[in-house]
Amino acid sequence: MTDRNPQTEANKRWQQNNKERAKYLSNRSRARSFIRNQAELDDLEELKQLISERESNLKG
């Protein structure tokens, strides 16, 4: 017999119904975790450049 947590079940339903948003949130979380915990100086320099380019593209 397995006990199912109603909140866990609700989370699973939300993820199934919001796949794109769930993917976005997961990717954002992984990126932040990488920057905080694993990135080295050269990684951070490259990311700064990529961020600058992305900002320029979004601003038009």
C-alpha atoms as a PDB file:
ATOM      1  CA  MET A   1       0.000   0.000   0.000  1.00  0.00           C
ATOM      2  CA  THR A   2       1.367   3.412  -0.959  1.00  0.00           C
ATOM      3  CA  ASP A   3       0.441   6.646   0.747  1.00  0.00           C
ATOM      4  CA  ARG A   4       0.054   9.449  -1.762  1.00  0.00           C
ATOM      5  CA  ASN A   5       0.617  12.980  -0.679  1.00  0.00           C
ATOM      6  CA  PRO A   6      -2.143  15.203  -2.119  1.00  0.00           C
ATOM      7  CA  GLN A   7       0.318  18.063  -2.646  1.00  0.00           C
ATOM      8  CA  THR A   8       2.662  15.802  -4.620  1.00  0.00           C
ATOM      9  CA  GLU A   9      -0.225  14.669  -6.779  1.00  0.00           C
ATOM     10  CA  ALA A  10      -1.308  18.277  -7.340  1.00  0.00           C
ATOM     11  CA  ASN A  11       2.256  19.211  -8.318  1.00  0.00           C
ATOM     12  CA  LYS A  12       2.357  16.389 -10.855  1.00  0.00           C
ATOM     13  CA  ARG A  13      -0.958  17.507 -12.347  1.00  0.00           C
ATOM     14  CA  TRP A  14       0.265  21.096 -12.572  1.00  0.00           C
ATOM     15  CA  GLN A  15       3.459  19.988 -14.343  1.00  0.00           C
ATOM     16  CA  GLN A  16       1.458  17.912 -16.824  1.00  0.00           C
ATOM     17  CA  ASN A  17      -0.862  20.829 -17.547  1.00  0.00           C
ATOM     18  CA  ASN A  18       1.922  23.440 -17.749  1.00  0.00           C
ATOM     19  CA  LYS A  19       4.786  21.640 -19.474  1.00  0.00           C
ATOM     20  CA  GLU A  20       6.383  24.706 -21.045  1.00  0.00           C
ATOM     21  CA  ARG A  21       6.281  26.736 -17.826  1.00  0.00           C
ATOM     22  CA  ALA A  22       7.601  23.779 -15.809  1.00  0.00           C
ATOM     23  CA  LYS A  23      10.462  23.373 -18.305  1.00  0.00           C
ATOM     24  CA  TYR A  24      11.259  27.102 -18.080  1.00  0.00           C
ATOM     25  CA  LEU A  25      11.321  27.012 -14.274  1.00  0.00           C
ATOM     26  CA  SER A  26      13.486  23.897 -14.227  1.00  0.00           C
ATOM     27  CA  ASN A  27      15.990  25.382 -16.675  1.00  0.00           C
ATOM     28  CA  ARG A  28      16.137  28.639 -14.717  1.00  0.00           C
ATOM     29  CA  SER A  29      16.761  26.754 -11.493  1.00  0.00           C
ATOM     30  CA  ARG A  30      19.560  24.690 -13.044  1.00  0.00           C
ATOM     31  CA  ALA A  31      21.212  27.795 -14.503  1.00  0.00           C
ATOM     32  CA  ARG A  32      21.160  29.588 -11.151  1.00  0.00           C
ATOM     33  CA  SER A  33      22.485  26.534  -9.357  1.00  0.00           C
ATOM     34  CA  PHE A  34      25.339  26.194 -11.865  1.00  0.00           C
ATOM     35  CA  ILE A  35      26.305  29.840 -11.457  1.00  0.00           C
ATOM     36  CA  ARG A  36      26.187  29.695  -7.658  1.00  0.00           C
ATOM     37  CA  ASN A  37      27.856  26.333  -7.120  1.00  0.00           C
ATOM     38  CA  GLN A  38      30.002  25.256 -10.049  1.00  0.00           C
ATOM     39  CA  ALA A  39      30.857  28.074 -12.433  1.00  0.00           C
ATOM     40  CA  GLU A  40      34.482  29.056 -12.681  1.00  0.00           C
ATOM     41  CA  LEU A  41      35.784  32.474 -13.637  1.00  0.00           C
ATOM     42  CA  ASP A  42      35.972  31.698 -17.364  1.00  0.00           C
ATOM     43  CA  ASP A  43      32.408  30.340 -17.273  1.00  0.00           C
ATOM     44  CA  LEU A  44      31.200  33.552 -15.649  1.00  0.00           C
ATOM     45  CA  GLU A  45      32.957  35.702 -18.257  1.00  0.00           C
ATOM     46  CA  GLU A  46      31.322  33.730 -21.061  1.00  0.00           C
ATOM     47  CA  LEU A  47      27.925  33.941 -19.382  1.00  0.00           C
ATOM     48  CA  LYS A  48      28.273  37.717 -19.009  1.00  0.00           C
ATOM     49  CA  GLN A  49      28.837  37.991 -22.755  1.00  0.00           C
ATOM     50  CA  LEU A  50      25.880  35.731 -23.537  1.00  0.00           C
ATOM     51  CA  ILE A  51      23.655  37.736 -21.190  1.00  0.00           C
ATOM     52  CA  SER A  52      24.707  40.990 -22.822  1.00  0.00           C
ATOM     53  CA  GLU A  53      23.913  39.603 -26.284  1.00  0.00           C
ATOM     54  CA  ARG A  54      20.548  38.279 -25.116  1.00  0.00           C
ATOM     55  CA  GLU A  55      19.641  41.623 -23.554  1.00  0.00           C
ATOM     56  CA  SER A  56      20.466  43.384 -26.818  1.00  0.00           C
ATOM     57  CA  ASN A  57      18.295  40.948 -28.778  1.00  0.00           C
ATOM     58  CA  LEU A  58      15.358  41.388 -26.421  1.00  0.00           C
ATOM     59  CA  LYS A  59      15.581  45.174 -26.464  1.00  0.00           C
ATOM     60  CA  GLY A  60      15.404  45.127 -30.240  1.00  0.00           C
END
